[in-house]
Amino acid sequence: MSYEAIRQVLLYATLINYAILIIWFLLFVFARQFLKRLQGSWFNLSDNTFDVIHYSGIAFYKIAIIMFNLVPWIAMTLARNS
């Protein structure tokens, strides 16, 4: 795989992962009760625990996107232009 192809894959992976993150956040904000009912059938969670799990998951996913997709793409772009 060429250098440019890897850069493109990282860019597309970043965009796709951010789209997933935004969808997750919007579902959590606007369809919270639906998610709570859906996951409540599997796990018996209080409202506070449910919120903490989702906010922590969203934060972890965002940090992972930045570390594994965005930062390598920026580094490769800067290295290519220098």
Protein backbone atom coordinates (compact mmCIF):
# COMPACT_ATOMS: atom_id res chain seq x y z
CA MET A 1 0.00 0.00 0.00
CA SER A 2 1.40 3.38 -0.95
CA TYR A 3 1.94 6.31 1.37
CA GLU A 4 -0.85 8.28 -0.27
CA ALA A 5 -3.27 5.35 -0.02
CA ILE A 6 -2.59 5.02 3.72
CA ARG A 7 -3.27 8.75 4.14
CA GLN A 8 -6.58 8.39 2.30
CA VAL A 9 -7.59 5.37 4.40
CA LEU A 10 -6.85 7.31 7.60
CA LEU A 11 -8.86 10.28 6.34
CA TYR A 12 -11.88 8.14 5.41
CA ALA A 13 -11.61 6.19 8.69
CA THR A 14 -11.61 9.47 10.61
CA LEU A 15 -14.69 10.74 8.78
CA ILE A 16 -16.59 7.46 9.18
CA ASN A 17 -15.72 7.20 12.87
CA TYR A 18 -16.76 10.80 13.54
CA ALA A 19 -20.07 10.11 11.76
CA ILE A 20 -20.63 7.11 14.05
CA LEU A 21 -19.73 9.25 17.07
CA ILE A 22 -22.21 11.96 16.06
CA ILE A 23 -24.98 9.40 15.46
CA TRP A 24 -24.30 7.83 18.87
CA PHE A 25 -24.43 11.26 20.55
CA LEU A 26 -27.63 12.26 18.75
CA LEU A 27 -29.28 8.96 19.65
CA PHE A 28 -28.26 9.44 23.26
CA VAL A 29 -29.62 12.99 23.35
CA PHE A 30 -32.84 12.57 21.37
CA ALA A 31 -33.69 8.87 21.85
CA ARG A 32 -32.40 8.30 25.36
CA GLN A 33 -35.54 6.58 26.60
CA PHE A 34 -35.54 4.22 23.63
CA LEU A 35 -31.92 3.27 24.32
CA LYS A 36 -32.66 2.89 28.03
CA ARG A 37 -35.59 0.55 27.33
CA LEU A 38 -33.59 -1.44 24.77
CA GLN A 39 -30.57 -1.88 27.02
CA GLY A 40 -32.70 -2.15 30.14
CA SER A 41 -33.98 -5.48 28.88
CA TRP A 42 -30.39 -6.78 29.01
CA PHE A 43 -28.96 -4.88 32.00
CA ASN A 44 -30.60 -3.49 35.11
CA LEU A 45 -29.00 -0.02 35.22
CA SER A 46 -29.99 3.10 37.11
CA ASP A 47 -30.34 6.33 35.15
CA ASN A 48 -27.07 7.70 36.54
CA THR A 49 -25.15 4.54 35.69
CA PHE A 50 -26.65 4.50 32.21
CA ASP A 51 -25.58 8.12 31.62
CA VAL A 52 -22.06 7.55 32.97
CA ILE A 53 -21.55 4.48 30.79
CA HIS A 54 -22.64 6.31 27.64
CA TYR A 55 -20.72 9.52 28.34
CA SER A 56 -17.61 7.49 29.16
CA GLY A 57 -18.02 5.43 26.01
CA ILE A 58 -18.45 8.52 23.87
CA ALA A 59 -15.36 10.13 25.45
CA PHE A 60 -13.25 6.99 25.02
CA TYR A 61 -14.36 6.58 21.39
CA LYS A 62 -13.56 10.22 20.63
CA ILE A 63 -10.08 9.93 22.17
CA ALA A 64 -9.46 6.70 20.22
CA ILE A 65 -10.47 8.40 16.95
CA ILE A 66 -8.10 11.26 17.62
CA MET A 67 -5.20 9.00 18.63
CA PHE A 68 -5.52 6.29 15.98
CA ASN A 69 -6.97 8.13 12.98
CA LEU A 70 -6.66 11.89 13.15
CA VAL A 71 -3.16 12.34 14.61
CA PRO A 72 -1.52 9.84 12.21
CA TRP A 73 -3.29 11.50 9.28
CA ILE A 74 -2.09 14.96 10.38
CA ALA A 75 1.46 13.67 10.89
CA MET A 76 1.52 12.03 7.47
CA THR A 77 0.10 15.16 5.84
CA LEU A 78 2.68 17.40 7.51
CA ALA A 79 5.50 14.99 6.63
CA ARG A 80 4.39 14.91 3.00
CA ASN A 81 4.29 18.69 2.73
CA SER A 82 7.69 19.29 4.32
